[in-house]
Amino acid sequence: MEENRQNITITAEEDAVSDASKLIWFIAGLGLSILGVLLAYIYQQEPPGSRFLDKSQEYIVIYKDSYKAKLRSIQVMYSLVGLVIIVGLIVLYAIFLLSTIFRFQRHI
């Protein structure tokens, strides 16, 4: 049974990787910052029901749990990448502004 559980988990995780909307979650992290990361953690996409035709209840439970866990980790990771990039750009912009202000003040 444990081997069967592992096979179901592997299948669910592979499906989650292919189903994940990586670009959308990256943009959410970029545009919504920490709110995008929070949404990525909270939102849980259901796997398509067609994957459960002729499957046992145990298969469905294991699959859904594994699928959602993997999908959540992907969503959070990509939204965090977007967040880190936007924070980095803001920091660079702030440094640029401060250096411009200090240069301007020296010329006055």
N, C-alpha and C. Protein backbone atom coordinates (compact mmCIF):
# COMPACT_ATOMS: atom_id res chain seq x y z
N MET A 1 0.82 -1.20 0.00
CA MET A 1 0.00 0.00 0.00
C MET A 1 0.87 1.26 0.00
N GLU A 2 1.98 1.22 0.74
CA GLU A 2 2.87 2.39 0.81
C GLU A 2 3.44 2.74 -0.56
N GLU A 3 3.76 1.72 -1.34
CA GLU A 3 4.28 1.96 -2.69
C GLU A 3 3.21 2.59 -3.56
N ASN A 4 1.98 2.13 -3.42
CA ASN A 4 0.86 2.69 -4.16
C ASN A 4 0.65 4.16 -3.78
N ARG A 5 0.76 4.46 -2.48
CA ARG A 5 0.62 5.83 -1.98
C ARG A 5 1.70 6.72 -2.61
N GLN A 6 2.92 6.20 -2.69
CA GLN A 6 4.02 6.98 -3.28
C GLN A 6 3.77 7.23 -4.76
N ASN A 7 3.26 6.24 -5.45
CA ASN A 7 2.95 6.41 -6.88
C ASN A 7 1.87 7.47 -7.10
N ILE A 8 0.86 7.44 -6.25
CA ILE A 8 -0.22 8.43 -6.35
C ILE A 8 0.35 9.83 -6.08
N THR A 9 1.18 9.93 -5.06
CA THR A 9 1.79 11.22 -4.70
C THR A 9 2.66 11.75 -5.83
N ILE A 10 3.46 10.89 -6.42
CA ILE A 10 4.33 11.30 -7.53
C ILE A 10 3.48 11.79 -8.71
N THR A 11 2.43 11.06 -9.03
CA THR A 11 1.54 11.45 -10.13
C THR A 11 0.89 12.80 -9.85
N ALA A 12 0.39 12.97 -8.63
CA ALA A 12 -0.27 14.23 -8.26
C ALA A 12 0.69 15.40 -8.32
N GLU A 13 1.92 15.20 -7.84
CA GLU A 13 2.90 16.28 -7.85
C GLU A 13 3.32 16.65 -9.27
N GLU A 14 3.48 15.65 -10.12
CA GLU A 14 3.81 15.92 -11.52
C GLU A 14 2.69 16.70 -12.21
N ASP A 15 1.45 16.31 -11.92
CA ASP A 15 0.31 17.02 -12.49
C ASP A 15 0.25 18.46 -11.97
N ALA A 16 0.54 18.65 -10.70
CA ALA A 16 0.52 19.99 -10.11
C ALA A 16 1.57 20.88 -10.77
N VAL A 17 2.74 20.33 -11.02
CA VAL A 17 3.80 21.10 -11.68
C VAL A 17 3.35 21.53 -13.07
N SER A 18 2.71 20.64 -13.80
CA SER A 18 2.28 20.99 -15.16
C SER A 18 1.06 21.91 -15.16
N ASP A 19 0.23 21.84 -14.12
CA ASP A 19 -0.98 22.67 -14.05
C ASP A 19 -0.73 24.06 -13.47
N ALA A 20 0.37 24.23 -12.77
CA ALA A 20 0.63 25.49 -12.05
C ALA A 20 0.75 26.66 -13.02
N SER A 21 0.11 27.74 -12.66
CA SER A 21 0.17 28.98 -13.45
C SER A 21 1.33 29.82 -12.91
N LYS A 22 2.53 29.43 -13.24
CA LYS A 22 3.73 30.05 -12.68
C LYS A 22 3.81 31.54 -12.99
N LEU A 23 3.52 31.90 -14.22
CA LEU A 23 3.61 33.31 -14.62
C LEU A 23 2.59 34.16 -13.85
N ILE A 24 1.40 33.65 -13.67
CA ILE A 24 0.38 34.40 -12.94
C ILE A 24 0.82 34.65 -11.51
N TRP A 25 1.38 33.64 -10.85
CA TRP A 25 1.80 33.82 -9.46
C TRP A 25 3.03 34.71 -9.36
N PHE A 26 3.91 34.67 -10.36
CA PHE A 26 5.05 35.58 -10.40
C PHE A 26 4.55 37.02 -10.50
N ILE A 27 3.60 37.25 -11.40
CA ILE A 27 3.04 38.60 -11.57
C ILE A 27 2.29 39.04 -10.32
N ALA A 28 1.60 38.10 -9.65
CA ALA A 28 0.92 38.44 -8.40
C ALA A 28 1.91 38.91 -7.35
N GLY A 29 3.04 38.22 -7.23
CA GLY A 29 4.06 38.65 -6.29
C GLY A 29 4.67 39.98 -6.67
N LEU A 30 4.85 40.18 -7.96
CA LEU A 30 5.42 41.42 -8.48
C LEU A 30 4.46 42.60 -8.27
N GLY A 31 3.21 42.40 -8.61
CA GLY A 31 2.24 43.50 -8.56
C GLY A 31 1.56 43.71 -7.22
N LEU A 32 1.34 42.63 -6.49
CA LEU A 32 0.61 42.74 -5.22
C LEU A 32 1.52 42.63 -4.00
N SER A 33 2.78 42.41 -4.23
CA SER A 33 3.81 42.24 -3.19
C SER A 33 3.39 41.19 -2.16
N ILE A 34 3.40 41.53 -0.90
CA ILE A 34 3.14 40.53 0.15
C ILE A 34 1.72 39.99 0.06
N LEU A 35 0.79 40.79 -0.43
CA LEU A 35 -0.58 40.31 -0.62
C LEU A 35 -0.62 39.19 -1.67
N GLY A 36 0.20 39.31 -2.70
CA GLY A 36 0.29 38.25 -3.71
C GLY A 36 0.80 36.95 -3.13
N VAL A 37 1.78 37.05 -2.23
CA VAL A 37 2.30 35.84 -1.57
C VAL A 37 1.23 35.24 -0.67
N LEU A 38 0.51 36.09 0.04
CA LEU A 38 -0.57 35.61 0.90
C LEU A 38 -1.66 34.92 0.08
N LEU A 39 -2.03 35.51 -1.03
CA LEU A 39 -3.03 34.88 -1.91
C LEU A 39 -2.53 33.54 -2.44
N ALA A 40 -1.25 33.48 -2.79
CA ALA A 40 -0.67 32.23 -3.29
C ALA A 40 -0.76 31.13 -2.23
N TYR A 41 -0.61 31.52 -0.97
CA TYR A 41 -0.68 30.54 0.11
C TYR A 41 -2.12 30.10 0.38
N ILE A 42 -3.04 31.04 0.30
CA ILE A 42 -4.44 30.75 0.64
C ILE A 42 -5.17 30.02 -0.48
N TYR A 43 -4.97 30.45 -1.72
CA TYR A 43 -5.73 29.91 -2.85
C TYR A 43 -5.38 28.44 -3.11
N GLN A 44 -6.40 27.62 -3.22
CA GLN A 44 -6.19 26.20 -3.51
C GLN A 44 -7.03 25.79 -4.71
N GLN A 45 -6.35 25.55 -5.79
CA GLN A 45 -6.99 25.10 -7.02
C GLN A 45 -7.29 23.61 -6.92
N GLU A 46 -8.49 23.24 -7.28
CA GLU A 46 -8.88 21.83 -7.29
C GLU A 46 -8.36 21.17 -8.56
N PRO A 47 -7.89 19.95 -8.45
CA PRO A 47 -7.50 19.23 -9.67
C PRO A 47 -8.75 18.90 -10.49
N PRO A 48 -8.60 18.78 -11.80
CA PRO A 48 -9.76 18.44 -12.64
C PRO A 48 -10.40 17.11 -12.22
N GLY A 49 -11.70 17.11 -12.17
CA GLY A 49 -12.43 15.92 -11.76
C GLY A 49 -12.25 14.73 -12.68
N SER A 50 -11.89 15.00 -13.93
CA SER A 50 -11.71 13.91 -14.90
C SER A 50 -10.57 12.97 -14.51
N ARG A 51 -9.70 13.42 -13.65
CA ARG A 51 -8.58 12.58 -13.21
C ARG A 51 -9.02 11.51 -12.20
N PHE A 52 -10.25 11.59 -11.75
CA PHE A 52 -10.70 10.67 -10.71
C PHE A 52 -11.71 9.64 -11.20
N LEU A 53 -11.92 9.57 -12.50
CA LEU A 53 -12.85 8.59 -13.02
C LEU A 53 -12.33 7.18 -12.71
N ASP A 54 -13.19 6.36 -12.17
CA ASP A 54 -12.86 4.97 -11.81
C ASP A 54 -11.75 4.86 -10.78
N LYS A 55 -11.61 5.86 -9.91
CA LYS A 55 -10.59 5.82 -8.85
C LYS A 55 -11.27 5.63 -7.51
N SER A 56 -10.57 5.00 -6.59
CA SER A 56 -11.11 4.77 -5.26
C SER A 56 -11.11 6.07 -4.46
N GLN A 57 -11.90 6.07 -3.39
CA GLN A 57 -11.96 7.25 -2.51
C GLN A 57 -10.59 7.52 -1.89
N GLU A 58 -9.88 6.46 -1.54
CA GLU A 58 -8.55 6.61 -0.96
C GLU A 58 -7.59 7.26 -1.97
N TYR A 59 -7.66 6.84 -3.21
CA TYR A 59 -6.83 7.44 -4.27
C TYR A 59 -7.12 8.93 -4.38
N ILE A 60 -8.39 9.28 -4.39
CA ILE A 60 -8.80 10.68 -4.54
C ILE A 60 -8.27 11.53 -3.39
N VAL A 61 -8.38 11.04 -2.17
CA VAL A 61 -7.92 11.80 -1.00
C VAL A 61 -6.40 12.00 -1.06
N ILE A 62 -5.67 10.94 -1.32
CA ILE A 62 -4.20 11.04 -1.39
C ILE A 62 -3.79 11.97 -2.52
N TYR A 63 -4.42 11.81 -3.67
CA TYR A 63 -4.09 12.63 -4.84
C TYR A 63 -4.34 14.11 -4.55
N LYS A 64 -5.54 14.43 -4.04
CA LYS A 64 -5.88 15.83 -3.79
C LYS A 64 -4.94 16.47 -2.77
N ASP A 65 -4.65 15.75 -1.70
CA ASP A 65 -3.74 16.29 -0.68
C ASP A 65 -2.36 16.57 -1.26
N SER A 66 -1.84 15.63 -2.01
CA SER A 66 -0.50 15.80 -2.61
C SER A 66 -0.50 16.90 -3.67
N TYR A 67 -1.54 16.93 -4.47
CA TYR A 67 -1.67 17.93 -5.54
C TYR A 67 -1.70 19.34 -4.95
N LYS A 68 -2.56 19.53 -3.95
CA LYS A 68 -2.70 20.86 -3.35
C LYS A 68 -1.43 21.31 -2.64
N ALA A 69 -0.78 20.40 -1.96
CA ALA A 69 0.46 20.75 -1.26
C ALA A 69 1.54 21.18 -2.25
N LYS A 70 1.70 20.44 -3.32
CA LYS A 70 2.71 20.78 -4.33
C LYS A 70 2.35 22.08 -5.04
N LEU A 71 1.09 22.23 -5.39
CA LEU A 71 0.65 23.44 -6.08
C LEU A 71 0.86 24.66 -5.19
N ARG A 72 0.54 24.54 -3.92
CA ARG A 72 0.75 25.66 -2.99
C ARG A 72 2.22 26.03 -2.93
N SER A 73 3.10 25.05 -2.85
CA SER A 73 4.53 25.37 -2.75
C SER A 73 5.03 26.08 -4.02
N ILE A 74 4.52 25.67 -5.17
CA ILE A 74 4.90 26.32 -6.43
C ILE A 74 4.37 27.75 -6.47
N GLN A 75 3.10 27.92 -6.11
CA GLN A 75 2.49 29.25 -6.11
C GLN A 75 3.25 30.20 -5.19
N VAL A 76 3.54 29.75 -3.99
CA VAL A 76 4.24 30.59 -3.02
C VAL A 76 5.65 30.91 -3.52
N MET A 77 6.34 29.92 -4.07
CA MET A 77 7.71 30.14 -4.54
C MET A 77 7.73 31.20 -5.65
N TYR A 78 6.86 31.07 -6.64
CA TYR A 78 6.86 32.03 -7.75
C TYR A 78 6.40 33.41 -7.32
N SER A 79 5.45 33.49 -6.39
CA SER A 79 5.04 34.81 -5.91
C SER A 79 6.15 35.45 -5.07
N LEU A 80 6.90 34.64 -4.33
CA LEU A 80 8.04 35.16 -3.57
C LEU A 80 9.14 35.68 -4.50
N VAL A 81 9.36 35.00 -5.61
CA VAL A 81 10.35 35.48 -6.58
C VAL A 81 9.92 36.85 -7.10
N GLY A 82 8.64 37.00 -7.42
CA GLY A 82 8.12 38.30 -7.86
C GLY A 82 8.28 39.36 -6.79
N LEU A 83 8.00 38.99 -5.54
CA LEU A 83 8.14 39.93 -4.42
C LEU A 83 9.59 40.36 -4.25
N VAL A 84 10.51 39.41 -4.28
CA VAL A 84 11.93 39.73 -4.11
C VAL A 84 12.41 40.66 -5.22
N ILE A 85 11.97 40.42 -6.43
CA ILE A 85 12.38 41.28 -7.55
C ILE A 85 11.85 42.70 -7.37
N ILE A 86 10.58 42.83 -7.02
CA ILE A 86 10.03 44.18 -6.87
C ILE A 86 10.67 44.91 -5.69
N VAL A 87 10.92 44.20 -4.59
CA VAL A 87 11.59 44.83 -3.45
C VAL A 87 13.00 45.25 -3.85
N GLY A 88 13.69 44.40 -4.58
CA GLY A 88 15.04 44.75 -5.05
C GLY A 88 15.03 45.98 -5.94
N LEU A 89 14.05 46.06 -6.83
CA LEU A 89 13.94 47.24 -7.70
C LEU A 89 13.63 48.50 -6.91
N ILE A 90 12.78 48.37 -5.91
CA ILE A 90 12.46 49.53 -5.06
C ILE A 90 13.69 49.99 -4.29
N VAL A 91 14.44 49.05 -3.76
CA VAL A 91 15.67 49.40 -3.04
C VAL A 91 16.66 50.09 -3.98
N LEU A 92 16.85 49.56 -5.17
CA LEU A 92 17.74 50.19 -6.15
C LEU A 92 17.27 51.60 -6.51
N TYR A 93 15.98 51.76 -6.68
CA TYR A 93 15.42 53.07 -6.99
C TYR A 93 15.65 54.04 -5.84
N ALA A 94 15.44 53.58 -4.60
CA ALA A 94 15.67 54.43 -3.43
C ALA A 94 17.14 54.84 -3.34
N ILE A 95 18.04 53.92 -3.60
CA ILE A 95 19.48 54.24 -3.58
C ILE A 95 19.79 55.27 -4.66
N PHE A 96 19.23 55.09 -5.83
CA PHE A 96 19.44 56.05 -6.92
C PHE A 96 18.92 57.43 -6.53
N LEU A 97 17.72 57.49 -5.95
CA LEU A 97 17.16 58.78 -5.54
C LEU A 97 18.02 59.45 -4.48
N LEU A 98 18.43 58.68 -3.48
CA LEU A 98 19.26 59.24 -2.42
C LEU A 98 20.59 59.74 -2.96
N SER A 99 21.20 58.99 -3.84
CA SER A 99 22.48 59.44 -4.39
C SER A 99 22.30 60.70 -5.24
N THR A 100 21.19 60.79 -5.95
CA THR A 100 20.90 61.98 -6.74
C THR A 100 20.68 63.19 -5.83
N ILE A 101 19.94 63.00 -4.76
CA ILE A 101 19.69 64.09 -3.81
C ILE A 101 21.00 64.56 -3.19
N PHE A 102 21.84 63.63 -2.75
CA PHE A 102 23.11 64.02 -2.13
C PHE A 102 24.03 64.72 -3.13
N ARG A 103 24.04 64.26 -4.37
CA ARG A 103 24.85 64.92 -5.40
C ARG A 103 24.34 66.33 -5.67
N PHE A 104 23.02 66.48 -5.72
CA PHE A 104 22.42 67.78 -5.97
C PHE A 104 22.72 68.74 -4.82
N GLN A 105 22.66 68.25 -3.57
CA GLN A 105 22.92 69.11 -2.41
C GLN A 105 24.37 69.57 -2.37
N ARG A 106 25.30 68.77 -2.84
CA ARG A 106 26.71 69.16 -2.84
C ARG A 106 26.97 70.29 -3.83
N HIS A 107 26.15 70.38 -4.86
CA HIS A 107 26.35 71.42 -5.87
C HIS A 107 25.69 72.74 -5.49
N ILE A 108 24.91 72.74 -4.44
CA ILE A 108 24.23 73.97 -4.02
C ILE A 108 25.12 74.80 -3.13
